[in-house]
PDB file of N, CA and C in Angstrom:
ATOM      1  N   UNK A   1     -98.498  46.494 -64.824  1.00  0.00           N
ATOM      2  CA  UNK A   1     -99.689  46.389 -65.627  1.00  0.00           C
ATOM      3  C   UNK A   1     -99.336  46.543 -67.115  1.00  0.00           C
ATOM      4  N   UNK A   2     -98.471  47.499 -67.424  1.00  0.00           N
ATOM      5  CA  UNK A   2     -98.090  47.718 -68.818  1.00  0.00           C
ATOM      6  C   UNK A   2     -97.415  46.482 -69.404  1.00  0.00           C
ATOM      7  N   UNK A   3     -96.503  45.864 -68.644  1.00  0.00           N
ATOM      8  CA  UNK A   3     -95.815  44.667 -69.127  1.00  0.00           C
ATOM      9  C   UNK A   3     -96.808  43.533 -69.363  1.00  0.00           C
ATOM     10  N   UNK A   4     -97.747  43.361 -68.443  1.00  0.00           N
ATOM     11  CA  UNK A   4     -98.761  42.307 -68.583  1.00  0.00           C
ATOM     12  C   UNK A   4     -99.626  42.545 -69.817  1.00  0.00           C
ATOM     13  N   UNK A   5    -100.078  43.781 -69.999  1.00  0.00           N
ATOM     14  CA  UNK A   5    -100.913  44.121 -71.157  1.00  0.00           C
ATOM     15  C   UNK A   5    -100.156  43.926 -72.469  1.00  0.00           C
ATOM     16  N   UNK A   6     -98.906  44.326 -72.492  1.00  0.00           N
ATOM     17  CA  UNK A   6     -98.089  44.158 -73.698  1.00  0.00           C
ATOM     18  C   UNK A   6     -97.918  42.679 -74.029  1.00  0.00           C
ATOM     19  N   UNK A   7     -97.635  41.871 -73.015  1.00  0.00           N
ATOM     20  CA  UNK A   7     -97.463  40.427 -73.217  1.00  0.00           C
ATOM     21  C   UNK A   7     -98.753  39.823 -73.776  1.00  0.00           C
ATOM     22  N   UNK A   8     -99.903  40.184 -73.205  1.00  0.00           N
ATOM     23  CA  UNK A   8    -101.183  39.656 -73.680  1.00  0.00           C
ATOM     24  C   UNK A   8    -101.454  40.079 -75.117  1.00  0.00           C
ATOM     25  N   UNK A   9    -101.133  41.311 -75.462  1.00  0.00           N
ATOM     26  CA  UNK A   9    -101.358  41.812 -76.823  1.00  0.00           C
ATOM     27  C   UNK A   9    -100.471  41.074 -77.823  1.00  0.00           C
ATOM     28  N   UNK A  10     -99.211  40.902 -77.476  1.00  0.00           N
ATOM     29  CA  UNK A  10     -98.291  40.186 -78.374  1.00  0.00           C
ATOM     30  C   UNK A  10     -98.753  38.746 -78.560  1.00  0.00           C
ATOM     31  N   UNK A  11     -99.142  38.086 -77.479  1.00  0.00           N
ATOM     32  CA  UNK A  11     -99.614  36.699 -77.574  1.00  0.00           C
ATOM     33  C   UNK A  11    -100.852  36.604 -78.459  1.00  0.00           C
ATOM     34  N   UNK A  12    -101.792  37.541 -78.296  1.00  0.00           N
ATOM     35  CA  UNK A  12    -103.020  37.520 -79.094  1.00  0.00           C
ATOM     36  C   UNK A  12    -102.723  37.764 -80.572  1.00  0.00           C
ATOM     37  N   UNK A  13    -101.862  38.731 -80.868  1.00  0.00           N
ATOM     38  CA  UNK A  13    -101.508  39.008 -82.262  1.00  0.00           C
ATOM     39  C   UNK A  13    -100.795  37.825 -82.896  1.00  0.00           C
ATOM     40  N   UNK A  14     -99.878  37.231 -82.155  1.00  0.00           N
ATOM     41  CA  UNK A  14     -99.150  36.081 -82.693  1.00  0.00           C
ATOM     42  C   UNK A  14    -100.092  34.904 -82.934  1.00  0.00           C
ATOM     43  N   UNK A  15    -101.009  34.665 -81.986  1.00  0.00           N
ATOM     44  CA  UNK A  15    -101.969  33.574 -82.164  1.00  0.00           C
ATOM     45  C   UNK A  15    -102.843  33.818 -83.387  1.00  0.00           C
ATOM     46  N   UNK A  16    -103.255  35.055 -83.608  1.00  0.00           N
ATOM     47  CA  UNK A  16    -104.121  35.389 -84.745  1.00  0.00           C
ATOM     48  C   UNK A  16    -103.409  35.216 -86.081  1.00  0.00           C
ATOM     49  N   UNK A  17    -102.097  35.420 -86.115  1.00  0.00           N
ATOM     50  CA  UNK A  17    -101.348  35.382 -87.360  1.00  0.00           C
ATOM     51  C   UNK A  17    -100.440  34.153 -87.482  1.00  0.00           C
ATOM     52  N   UNK A  18    -100.530  33.259 -86.541  1.00  0.00           N
ATOM     53  CA  UNK A  18     -99.725  32.034 -86.604  1.00  0.00           C
ATOM     54  C   UNK A  18     -98.238  32.311 -86.428  1.00  0.00           C
ATOM     55  N   UNK A  19     -97.918  33.299 -85.650  1.00  0.00           N
ATOM     56  CA  UNK A  19     -96.510  33.690 -85.452  1.00  0.00           C
ATOM     57  C   UNK A  19     -96.079  33.380 -84.023  1.00  0.00           C
ATOM     58  N   UNK A  20     -94.807  33.543 -83.793  1.00  0.00           N
ATOM     59  CA  UNK A  20     -94.254  33.411 -82.446  1.00  0.00           C
ATOM     60  C   UNK A  20     -93.736  34.765 -82.005  1.00  0.00           C
ATOM     61  N   UNK A  21     -93.888  35.050 -80.752  1.00  0.00           N
ATOM     62  CA  UNK A  21     -93.383  36.318 -80.220  1.00  0.00           C
ATOM     63  C   UNK A  21     -93.031  36.172 -78.750  1.00  0.00           C
ATOM     64  N   UNK A  22     -92.170  37.041 -78.305  1.00  0.00           N
ATOM     65  CA  UNK A  22     -91.756  37.026 -76.908  1.00  0.00           C
ATOM     66  C   UNK A  22     -91.584  38.464 -76.434  1.00  0.00           C
ATOM     67  N   UNK A  23     -92.059  38.739 -75.253  1.00  0.00           N
ATOM     68  CA  UNK A  23     -91.887  40.047 -74.642  1.00  0.00           C
ATOM     69  C   UNK A  23     -90.840  39.899 -73.543  1.00  0.00           C
ATOM     70  N   UNK A  24     -89.764  40.662 -73.654  1.00  0.00           N
ATOM     71  CA  UNK A  24     -88.716  40.670 -72.638  1.00  0.00           C
ATOM     72  C   UNK A  24     -88.673  42.072 -72.063  1.00  0.00           C
ATOM     73  N   UNK A  25     -88.892  42.188 -70.764  1.00  0.00           N
ATOM     74  CA  UNK A  25     -88.918  43.491 -70.111  1.00  0.00           C
ATOM     75  C   UNK A  25     -87.647  43.645 -69.291  1.00  0.00           C
ATOM     76  N   UNK A  26     -86.904  44.698 -69.550  1.00  0.00           N
ATOM     77  CA  UNK A  26     -85.729  45.040 -68.752  1.00  0.00           C
ATOM     78  C   UNK A  26     -86.150  46.135 -67.798  1.00  0.00           C
ATOM     79  N   UNK A  27     -86.293  45.788 -66.530  1.00  0.00           N
ATOM     80  CA  UNK A  27     -86.808  46.728 -65.544  1.00  0.00           C
ATOM     81  C   UNK A  27     -85.768  47.744 -65.120  1.00  0.00           C
ATOM     82  N   UNK A  28     -84.538  47.612 -65.548  1.00  0.00           N
ATOM     83  CA  UNK A  28     -83.509  48.578 -65.163  1.00  0.00           C
ATOM     84  C   UNK A  28     -83.072  48.356 -63.728  1.00  0.00           C
ATOM     85  N   UNK A  29     -82.527  49.377 -63.151  1.00  0.00           N
ATOM     86  CA  UNK A  29     -82.024  49.265 -61.788  1.00  0.00           C
ATOM     87  C   UNK A  29     -83.175  49.364 -60.785  1.00  0.00           C
ATOM     88  N   UNK A  30     -83.008  48.731 -59.629  1.00  0.00           N
ATOM     89  CA  UNK A  30     -84.041  48.866 -58.601  1.00  0.00           C
ATOM     90  C   UNK A  30     -84.051  50.282 -58.039  1.00  0.00           C
ATOM     91  N   UNK A  31     -85.097  50.645 -57.324  1.00  0.00           N
ATOM     92  CA  UNK A  31     -85.162  51.999 -56.764  1.00  0.00           C
ATOM     93  C   UNK A  31     -84.114  52.205 -55.666  1.00  0.00           C
ATOM     94  N   UNK A  32     -83.658  53.429 -55.546  1.00  0.00           N
ATOM     95  CA  UNK A  32     -82.764  53.803 -54.449  1.00  0.00           C
ATOM     96  C   UNK A  32     -83.640  54.054 -53.227  1.00  0.00           C
ATOM     97  N   UNK A  33     -83.404  53.272 -52.186  1.00  0.00           N
ATOM     98  CA  UNK A  33     -84.163  53.442 -50.941  1.00  0.00           C
ATOM     99  C   UNK A  33     -83.141  53.654 -49.830  1.00  0.00           C
ATOM    100  N   UNK A  34     -83.011  54.903 -49.422  1.00  0.00           N
ATOM    101  CA  UNK A  34     -82.058  55.233 -48.362  1.00  0.00           C
ATOM    102  C   UNK A  34     -82.477  54.614 -47.039  1.00  0.00           C
ATOM    103  N   UNK A  35     -81.484  54.162 -46.282  1.00  0.00           N
ATOM    104  CA  UNK A  35     -81.711  53.696 -44.927  1.00  0.00           C
ATOM    105  C   UNK A  35     -81.981  54.922 -44.050  1.00  0.00           C
ATOM    106  N   UNK A  36     -83.054  54.900 -43.288  1.00  0.00           N
ATOM    107  CA  UNK A  36     -83.445  56.079 -42.509  1.00  0.00           C
ATOM    108  C   UNK A  36     -82.359  56.483 -41.508  1.00  0.00           C
ATOM    109  N   UNK A  37     -81.798  55.509 -40.814  1.00  0.00           N
ATOM    110  CA  UNK A  37     -80.767  55.811 -39.817  1.00  0.00           C
ATOM    111  C   UNK A  37     -79.525  56.413 -40.471  1.00  0.00           C
ATOM    112  N   UNK A  38     -79.117  55.858 -41.608  1.00  0.00           N
ATOM    113  CA  UNK A  38     -77.936  56.369 -42.291  1.00  0.00           C
ATOM    114  C   UNK A  38     -78.195  57.749 -42.893  1.00  0.00           C
ATOM    115  N   UNK A  39     -79.410  57.992 -43.339  1.00  0.00           N
ATOM    116  CA  UNK A  39     -79.758  59.315 -43.864  1.00  0.00           C
ATOM    117  C   UNK A  39     -79.672  60.369 -42.770  1.00  0.00           C
ATOM    118  N   UNK A  40     -80.227  60.031 -41.591  1.00  0.00           N
ATOM    119  CA  UNK A  40     -80.148  60.965 -40.460  1.00  0.00           C
ATOM    120  C   UNK A  40     -78.692  61.202 -40.059  1.00  0.00           C
ATOM    121  N   UNK A  41     -77.909  60.139 -40.033  1.00  0.00           N
ATOM    122  CA  UNK A  41     -76.493  60.259 -39.671  1.00  0.00           C
ATOM    123  C   UNK A  41     -75.775  61.205 -40.644  1.00  0.00           C
ATOM    124  N   UNK A  42     -75.958  60.997 -41.927  1.00  0.00           N
ATOM    125  CA  UNK A  42     -75.298  61.845 -42.926  1.00  0.00           C
ATOM    126  C   UNK A  42     -75.724  63.299 -42.786  1.00  0.00           C
ATOM    127  N   UNK A  43     -77.012  63.526 -42.559  1.00  0.00           N
ATOM    128  CA  UNK A  43     -77.502  64.898 -42.393  1.00  0.00           C
ATOM    129  C   UNK A  43     -76.907  65.541 -41.141  1.00  0.00           C
ATOM    130  N   UNK A  44     -76.844  64.791 -40.044  1.00  0.00           N
ATOM    131  CA  UNK A  44     -76.275  65.329 -38.805  1.00  0.00           C
ATOM    132  C   UNK A  44     -74.802  65.706 -38.986  1.00  0.00           C
ATOM    133  N   UNK A  45     -74.043  64.851 -39.650  1.00  0.00           N
ATOM    134  CA  UNK A  45     -72.630  65.145 -39.892  1.00  0.00           C
ATOM    135  C   UNK A  45     -72.491  66.374 -40.791  1.00  0.00           C
ATOM    136  N   UNK A  46     -73.299  66.453 -41.828  1.00  0.00           N
ATOM    137  CA  UNK A  46     -73.231  67.596 -42.745  1.00  0.00           C
ATOM    138  C   UNK A  46     -73.598  68.897 -42.037  1.00  0.00           C
ATOM    139  N   UNK A  47     -74.629  68.863 -41.199  1.00  0.00           N
ATOM    140  CA  UNK A  47     -75.032  70.061 -40.456  1.00  0.00           C
ATOM    141  C   UNK A  47     -73.922  70.481 -39.509  1.00  0.00           C
ATOM    142  N   UNK A  48     -73.345  69.520 -38.803  1.00  0.00           N
ATOM    143  CA  UNK A  48     -72.264  69.820 -37.857  1.00  0.00           C
ATOM    144  C   UNK A  48     -71.051  70.431 -38.582  1.00  0.00           C
ATOM    145  N   UNK A  49     -70.754  69.924 -39.766  1.00  0.00           N
ATOM    146  CA  UNK A  49     -69.564  70.360 -40.490  1.00  0.00           C
ATOM    147  C   UNK A  49     -69.779  71.669 -41.259  1.00  0.00           C
ATOM    148  N   UNK A  50     -70.968  71.822 -41.861  1.00  0.00           N
ATOM    149  CA  UNK A  50     -71.178  72.938 -42.795  1.00  0.00           C
ATOM    150  C   UNK A  50     -72.308  73.886 -42.400  1.00  0.00           C
ATOM    151  N   UNK A  51     -73.073  73.557 -41.375  1.00  0.00           N
ATOM    152  CA  UNK A  51     -74.176  74.406 -40.960  1.00  0.00           C
ATOM    153  C   UNK A  51     -75.502  73.946 -41.538  1.00  0.00           C
ATOM    154  N   UNK A  52     -76.562  74.239 -40.803  1.00  0.00           N
ATOM    155  CA  UNK A  52     -77.904  73.801 -41.191  1.00  0.00           C
ATOM    156  C   UNK A  52     -78.316  74.340 -42.568  1.00  0.00           C
ATOM    157  N   UNK A  53     -77.883  75.554 -42.890  1.00  0.00           N
ATOM    158  CA  UNK A  53     -78.281  76.152 -44.176  1.00  0.00           C
ATOM    159  C   UNK A  53     -77.666  75.432 -45.375  1.00  0.00           C
ATOM    160  N   UNK A  54     -76.685  74.581 -45.122  1.00  0.00           N
ATOM    161  CA  UNK A  54     -76.021  73.847 -46.206  1.00  0.00           C
ATOM    162  C   UNK A  54     -76.686  72.515 -46.522  1.00  0.00           C
ATOM    163  N   UNK A  55     -77.658  72.135 -45.732  1.00  0.00           N
ATOM    164  CA  UNK A  55     -78.306  70.831 -45.904  1.00  0.00           C
ATOM    165  C   UNK A  55     -79.758  71.049 -46.298  1.00  0.00           C
ATOM    166  N   UNK A  56     -80.153  70.397 -47.362  1.00  0.00           N
ATOM    167  CA  UNK A  56     -81.545  70.473 -47.814  1.00  0.00           C
ATOM    168  C   UNK A  56     -82.049  69.058 -48.060  1.00  0.00           C
ATOM    169  N   UNK A  57     -83.280  68.840 -47.704  1.00  0.00           N
ATOM    170  CA  UNK A  57     -83.915  67.549 -47.966  1.00  0.00           C
ATOM    171  C   UNK A  57     -84.682  67.688 -49.272  1.00  0.00           C
ATOM    172  N   UNK A  58     -84.524  66.727 -50.159  1.00  0.00           N
ATOM    173  CA  UNK A  58     -85.174  66.796 -51.464  1.00  0.00           C
ATOM    174  C   UNK A  58     -86.300  65.771 -51.543  1.00  0.00           C
ATOM    175  N   UNK A  59     -87.263  66.081 -52.365  1.00  0.00           N
ATOM    176  CA  UNK A  59     -88.329  65.128 -52.638  1.00  0.00           C
ATOM    177  C   UNK A  59     -87.743  63.950 -53.420  1.00  0.00           C
ATOM    178  N   UNK A  60     -88.340  62.776 -53.297  1.00  0.00           N
ATOM    179  CA  UNK A  60     -87.844  61.635 -54.087  1.00  0.00           C
ATOM    180  C   UNK A  60     -87.853  61.955 -55.578  1.00  0.00           C
ATOM    181  N   UNK A  61     -86.873  61.428 -56.271  1.00  0.00           N
ATOM    182  CA  UNK A  61     -86.775  61.610 -57.720  1.00  0.00           C
ATOM    183  C   UNK A  61     -86.902  60.244 -58.390  1.00  0.00           C
ATOM    184  N   UNK A  62     -87.318  60.249 -59.626  1.00  0.00           N
ATOM    185  CA  UNK A  62     -87.569  58.994 -60.325  1.00  0.00           C
ATOM    186  C   UNK A  62     -86.397  58.541 -61.199  1.00  0.00           C
ATOM    187  N   UNK A  63     -85.277  59.223 -61.130  1.00  0.00           N
ATOM    188  CA  UNK A  63     -84.134  58.821 -61.938  1.00  0.00           C
ATOM    189  C   UNK A  63     -83.570  57.483 -61.501  1.00  0.00           C
ATOM    190  N   UNK A  64     -83.001  56.754 -62.429  1.00  0.00           N
ATOM    191  CA  UNK A  64     -82.368  55.484 -62.110  1.00  0.00           C
ATOM    192  C   UNK A  64     -80.952  55.699 -61.609  1.00  0.00           C
ATOM    193  N   UNK A  65     -80.499  54.829 -60.737  1.00  0.00           N
ATOM    194  CA  UNK A  65     -79.160  54.984 -60.181  1.00  0.00           C
ATOM    195  C   UNK A  65     -78.678  53.616 -59.718  1.00  0.00           C
ATOM    196  N   UNK A  66     -77.520  53.190 -60.212  1.00  0.00           N
ATOM    197  CA  UNK A  66     -77.042  51.864 -59.830  1.00  0.00           C
ATOM    198  C   UNK A  66     -76.524  51.799 -58.395  1.00  0.00           C
ATOM    199  N   UNK A  67     -76.471  52.918 -57.695  1.00  0.00           N
ATOM    200  CA  UNK A  67     -76.149  52.917 -56.270  1.00  0.00           C
ATOM    201  C   UNK A  67     -77.149  52.046 -55.501  1.00  0.00           C
ATOM    202  N   UNK A  68     -78.331  51.851 -56.080  1.00  0.00           N
ATOM    203  CA  UNK A  68     -79.354  51.034 -55.431  1.00  0.00           C
ATOM    204  C   UNK A  68     -78.851  49.619 -55.157  1.00  0.00           C
ATOM    205  N   UNK A  69     -77.948  49.102 -55.984  1.00  0.00           N
ATOM    206  CA  UNK A  69     -77.414  47.764 -55.747  1.00  0.00           C
ATOM    207  C   UNK A  69     -76.589  47.721 -54.461  1.00  0.00           C
ATOM    208  N   UNK A  70     -75.849  48.784 -54.169  1.00  0.00           N
ATOM    209  CA  UNK A  70     -75.110  48.842 -52.904  1.00  0.00           C
ATOM    210  C   UNK A  70     -76.077  48.820 -51.719  1.00  0.00           C
ATOM    211  N   UNK A  71     -77.160  49.577 -51.852  1.00  0.00           N
ATOM    212  CA  UNK A  71     -78.116  49.681 -50.753  1.00  0.00           C
ATOM    213  C   UNK A  71     -78.893  48.385 -50.526  1.00  0.00           C
ATOM    214  N   UNK A  72     -78.874  47.488 -51.493  1.00  0.00           N
ATOM    215  CA  UNK A  72     -79.474  46.183 -51.278  1.00  0.00           C
ATOM    216  C   UNK A  72     -78.572  45.306 -50.408  1.00  0.00           C
ATOM    217  N   UNK A  73     -77.289  45.635 -50.383  1.00  0.00           N
ATOM    218  CA  UNK A  73     -76.323  44.842 -49.619  1.00  0.00           C
ATOM    219  C   UNK A  73     -76.041  45.415 -48.235  1.00  0.00           C
ATOM    220  N   UNK A  74     -75.968  46.733 -48.129  1.00  0.00           N
ATOM    221  CA  UNK A  74     -75.615  47.396 -46.869  1.00  0.00           C
ATOM    222  C   UNK A  74     -76.480  48.641 -46.701  1.00  0.00           C
ATOM    223  N   UNK A  75     -76.805  48.997 -45.454  1.00  0.00           N
ATOM    224  CA  UNK A  75     -77.550  50.241 -45.239  1.00  0.00           C
ATOM    225  C   UNK A  75     -76.687  51.440 -45.601  1.00  0.00           C
ATOM    226  N   UNK A  76     -77.274  52.410 -46.238  1.00  0.00           N
ATOM    227  CA  UNK A  76     -76.539  53.605 -46.645  1.00  0.00           C
ATOM    228  C   UNK A  76     -77.498  54.695 -47.060  1.00  0.00           C
ATOM    229  N   UNK A  77     -76.937  55.749 -47.627  1.00  0.00           N
ATOM    230  CA  UNK A  77     -77.743  56.882 -48.074  1.00  0.00           C
ATOM    231  C   UNK A  77     -77.102  57.505 -49.300  1.00  0.00           C
ATOM    232  N   UNK A  78     -77.918  57.790 -50.272  1.00  0.00           N
ATOM    233  CA  UNK A  78     -77.480  58.463 -51.492  1.00  0.00           C
ATOM    234  C   UNK A  78     -77.585  59.959 -51.248  1.00  0.00           C
ATOM    235  N   UNK A  79     -76.494  60.678 -51.464  1.00  0.00           N
ATOM    236  CA  UNK A  79     -76.453  62.113 -51.180  1.00  0.00           C
ATOM    237  C   UNK A  79     -76.193  62.894 -52.462  1.00  0.00           C
ATOM    238  N   UNK A  80     -76.809  64.035 -52.567  1.00  0.00           N
ATOM    239  CA  UNK A  80     -76.485  64.975 -53.628  1.00  0.00           C
ATOM    240  C   UNK A  80     -75.546  66.009 -53.018  1.00  0.00           C
ATOM    241  N   UNK A  81     -74.354  66.110 -53.548  1.00  0.00           N
ATOM    242  CA  UNK A  81     -73.366  67.063 -53.029  1.00  0.00           C
ATOM    243  C   UNK A  81     -73.142  68.137 -54.083  1.00  0.00           C
ATOM    244  N   UNK A  82     -73.241  69.394 -53.656  1.00  0.00           N
ATOM    245  CA  UNK A  82     -72.961  70.494 -54.577  1.00  0.00           C
ATOM    246  C   UNK A  82     -74.087  70.818 -55.517  1.00  0.00           C
ATOM    247  N   UNK A  83     -75.298  70.493 -55.151  1.00  0.00           N
ATOM    248  CA  UNK A  83     -76.436  70.773 -56.024  1.00  0.00           C
ATOM    249  C   UNK A  83     -77.152  72.031 -55.551  1.00  0.00           C
ATOM    250  N   UNK A  84     -77.677  72.764 -56.495  1.00  0.00           N
ATOM    251  CA  UNK A  84     -78.505  73.904 -56.152  1.00  0.00           C
ATOM    252  C   UNK A  84     -77.851  75.254 -56.347  1.00  0.00           C
ATOM    253  N   UNK A  85     -76.556  75.280 -56.550  1.00  0.00           N
ATOM    254  CA  UNK A  85     -75.887  76.544 -56.788  1.00  0.00           C
ATOM    255  C   UNK A  85     -76.016  76.971 -58.240  1.00  0.00           C
ATOM    256  N   UNK A  86     -75.519  78.147 -58.537  1.00  0.00           N
ATOM    257  CA  UNK A  86     -75.600  78.678 -59.906  1.00  0.00           C
ATOM    258  C   UNK A  86     -74.877  77.776 -60.905  1.00  0.00           C
ATOM    259  N   UNK A  87     -73.777  77.157 -60.475  1.00  0.00           N
ATOM    260  CA  UNK A  87     -73.006  76.300 -61.384  1.00  0.00           C
ATOM    261  C   UNK A  87     -73.611  74.919 -61.561  1.00  0.00           C
ATOM    262  N   UNK A  88     -74.610  74.585 -60.788  1.00  0.00           N
ATOM    263  CA  UNK A  88     -75.196  73.245 -60.896  1.00  0.00           C
ATOM    264  C   UNK A  88     -76.718  73.310 -60.860  1.00  0.00           C
ATOM    265  N   UNK A  89     -77.289  74.162 -61.681  1.00  0.00           N
ATOM    266  CA  UNK A  89     -78.744  74.332 -61.629  1.00  0.00           C
ATOM    267  C   UNK A  89     -79.499  73.191 -62.306  1.00  0.00           C
ATOM    268  N   UNK A  90     -78.791  72.331 -63.045  1.00  0.00           N
ATOM    269  CA  UNK A  90     -79.425  71.166 -63.655  1.00  0.00           C
ATOM    270  C   UNK A  90     -79.049  69.929 -62.847  1.00  0.00           C
ATOM    271  N   UNK A  91     -79.955  68.974 -62.694  1.00  0.00           N
ATOM    272  CA  UNK A  91     -79.670  67.804 -61.864  1.00  0.00           C
ATOM    273  C   UNK A  91     -78.663  66.858 -62.517  1.00  0.00           C
ATOM    274  N   UNK A  92     -78.125  65.972 -61.696  1.00  0.00           N
ATOM    275  CA  UNK A  92     -77.224  64.929 -62.196  1.00  0.00           C
ATOM    276  C   UNK A  92     -77.893  64.191 -63.350  1.00  0.00           C
ATOM    277  N   UNK A  93     -77.124  63.738 -64.304  1.00  0.00           N
ATOM    278  CA  UNK A  93     -77.572  62.972 -65.468  1.00  0.00           C
ATOM    279  C   UNK A  93     -78.371  63.811 -66.467  1.00  0.00           C
ATOM    280  N   UNK A  94     -78.577  65.081 -66.192  1.00  0.00           N
ATOM    281  CA  UNK A  94     -79.242  65.959 -67.159  1.00  0.00           C
ATOM    282  C   UNK A  94     -78.207  66.309 -68.227  1.00  0.00           C
ATOM    283  N   UNK A  95     -78.605  66.412 -69.489  1.00  0.00           N
ATOM    284  CA  UNK A  95     -77.623  66.712 -70.536  1.00  0.00           C
ATOM    285  C   UNK A  95     -76.909  68.053 -70.357  1.00  0.00           C
ATOM    286  N   UNK A  96     -77.508  68.974 -69.598  1.00  0.00           N
ATOM    287  CA  UNK A  96     -76.862  70.278 -69.393  1.00  0.00           C
ATOM    288  C   UNK A  96     -76.224  70.402 -68.006  1.00  0.00           C
ATOM    289  N   UNK A  97     -76.130  69.272 -67.295  1.00  0.00           N
ATOM    290  CA  UNK A  97     -75.488  69.281 -65.984  1.00  0.00           C
ATOM    291  C   UNK A  97     -74.051  69.767 -66.118  1.00  0.00           C
ATOM    292  N   UNK A  98     -73.645  70.629 -65.227  1.00  0.00           N
ATOM    293  CA  UNK A  98     -72.274  71.136 -65.206  1.00  0.00           C
ATOM    294  C   UNK A  98     -71.760  71.004 -63.776  1.00  0.00           C
ATOM    295  N   UNK A  99     -70.756  70.197 -63.606  1.00  0.00           N
ATOM    296  CA  UNK A  99     -70.211  69.957 -62.282  1.00  0.00           C
ATOM    297  C   UNK A  99     -69.704  71.256 -61.667  1.00  0.00           C
ATOM    298  N   UNK A 100     -70.153  71.527 -60.462  1.00  0.00           N
ATOM    299  CA  UNK A 100     -69.662  72.684 -59.714  1.00  0.00           C
ATOM    300  C   UNK A 100     -68.366  72.254 -59.033  1.00  0.00           C
ATOM    301  N   UNK A 101     -67.241  72.583 -59.628  1.00  0.00           N
ATOM    302  CA  UNK A 101     -65.952  72.123 -59.125  1.00  0.00           C
ATOM    303  C   UNK A 101     -65.633  72.660 -57.735  1.00  0.00           C
ATOM    304  N   UNK A 102     -66.269  73.746 -57.333  1.00  0.00           N
ATOM    305  CA  UNK A 102     -66.074  74.262 -55.978  1.00  0.00           C
ATOM    306  C   UNK A 102     -66.662  73.315 -54.936  1.00  0.00           C
ATOM    307  N   UNK A 103     -67.544  72.415 -55.356  1.00  0.00           N
ATOM    308  CA  UNK A 103     -68.156  71.467 -54.423  1.00  0.00           C
ATOM    309  C   UNK A 103     -67.269  70.248 -54.162  1.00  0.00           C
ATOM    310  N   UNK A 104     -66.244  70.039 -54.960  1.00  0.00           N
ATOM    311  CA  UNK A 104     -65.399  68.845 -54.792  1.00  0.00           C
ATOM    312  C   UNK A 104     -64.735  68.812 -53.420  1.00  0.00           C
ATOM    313  N   UNK A 105     -64.065  69.879 -52.973  1.00  0.00           N
ATOM    314  CA  UNK A 105     -63.472  69.823 -51.626  1.00  0.00           C
ATOM    315  C   UNK A 105     -64.520  69.649 -50.527  1.00  0.00           C
ATOM    316  N   UNK A 106     -65.700  70.212 -50.728  1.00  0.00           N
ATOM    317  CA  UNK A 106     -66.785  70.063 -49.757  1.00  0.00           C
ATOM    318  C   UNK A 106     -67.198  68.591 -49.681  1.00  0.00           C
ATOM    319  N   UNK A 107     -67.351  67.963 -50.828  1.00  0.00           N
ATOM    320  CA  UNK A 107     -67.717  66.549 -50.863  1.00  0.00           C
ATOM    321  C   UNK A 107     -66.665  65.675 -50.211  1.00  0.00           C
ATOM    322  N   UNK A 108     -65.404  65.970 -50.475  1.00  0.00           N
ATOM    323  CA  UNK A 108     -64.319  65.205 -49.860  1.00  0.00           C
ATOM    324  C   UNK A 108     -64.372  65.358 -48.346  1.00  0.00           C
ATOM    325  N   UNK A 109     -64.515  66.585 -47.891  1.00  0.00           N
ATOM    326  CA  UNK A 109     -64.573  66.829 -46.451  1.00  0.00           C
ATOM    327  C   UNK A 109     -65.780  66.140 -45.815  1.00  0.00           C
ATOM    328  N   UNK A 110     -66.914  66.159 -46.496  1.00  0.00           N
ATOM    329  CA  UNK A 110     -68.101  65.482 -45.971  1.00  0.00           C
ATOM    330  C   UNK A 110     -67.823  63.995 -45.800  1.00  0.00           C
ATOM    331  N   UNK A 111     -67.264  63.359 -46.814  1.00  0.00           N
ATOM    332  CA  UNK A 111     -67.023  61.925 -46.723  1.00  0.00           C
ATOM    333  C   UNK A 111     -65.949  61.586 -45.694  1.00  0.00           C
ATOM    334  N   UNK A 112     -64.950  62.437 -45.536  1.00  0.00           N
ATOM    335  CA  UNK A 112     -63.958  62.234 -44.478  1.00  0.00           C
ATOM    336  C   UNK A 112     -64.649  62.267 -43.116  1.00  0.00           C
ATOM    337  N   UNK A 113     -65.524  63.250 -42.907  1.00  0.00           N
ATOM    338  CA  UNK A 113     -66.216  63.376 -41.632  1.00  0.00           C
ATOM    339  C   UNK A 113     -67.199  62.219 -41.401  1.00  0.00           C
ATOM    340  N   UNK A 114     -67.837  61.752 -42.465  1.00  0.00           N
ATOM    341  CA  UNK A 114     -68.744  60.604 -42.339  1.00  0.00           C
ATOM    342  C   UNK A 114     -67.983  59.376 -41.850  1.00  0.00           C
ATOM    343  N   UNK A 115     -66.808  59.146 -42.414  1.00  0.00           N
ATOM    344  CA  UNK A 115     -65.995  58.007 -42.004  1.00  0.00           C
ATOM    345  C   UNK A 115     -65.440  58.218 -40.591  1.00  0.00           C
ATOM    346  N   UNK A 116     -64.970  59.405 -40.326  1.00  0.00           N
ATOM    347  CA  UNK A 116     -64.342  59.727 -39.039  1.00  0.00           C
ATOM    348  C   UNK A 116     -65.307  59.532 -37.865  1.00  0.00           C
ATOM    349  N   UNK A 117     -66.576  59.870 -38.053  1.00  0.00           N
ATOM    350  CA  UNK A 117     -67.546  59.840 -36.955  1.00  0.00           C
ATOM    351  C   UNK A 117     -68.435  58.609 -36.961  1.00  0.00           C
ATOM    352  N   UNK A 118     -68.197  57.709 -37.893  1.00  0.00           N
ATOM    353  CA  UNK A 118     -69.054  56.518 -37.993  1.00  0.00           C
ATOM    354  C   UNK A 118     -68.783  55.557 -36.844  1.00  0.00           C
ATOM    355  N   UNK A 119     -69.846  55.051 -36.255  1.00  0.00           N
ATOM    356  CA  UNK A 119     -69.671  54.049 -35.191  1.00  0.00           C
ATOM    357  C   UNK A 119     -70.631  52.895 -35.383  1.00  0.00           C
TER     358      UNK A 119
END
């Protein structure tokens, strides 16, 4: 709606003043939409490897992520690894985000197990 309204306003102003104008909208990346089956699979592997208390489901977030292009080609799931601890209290892409380096081996192990058990 905003893009349509902006285009109409620019066209009307240009027509009134005898000018030319163009509205170009860059919509950015498409939304990340996890595949339900792959999301369940990743959660099951994580629970099996690290325990139920290590897995949390998050509400959808509105941040942009180019991982969405992969998900347009193949079913998959975007995972947050190492979030929620004292060292990572700010979300990814936040200017104060600080990588919790203790989560790196956990992330590696998770991805090894995801590949190992994939069928």
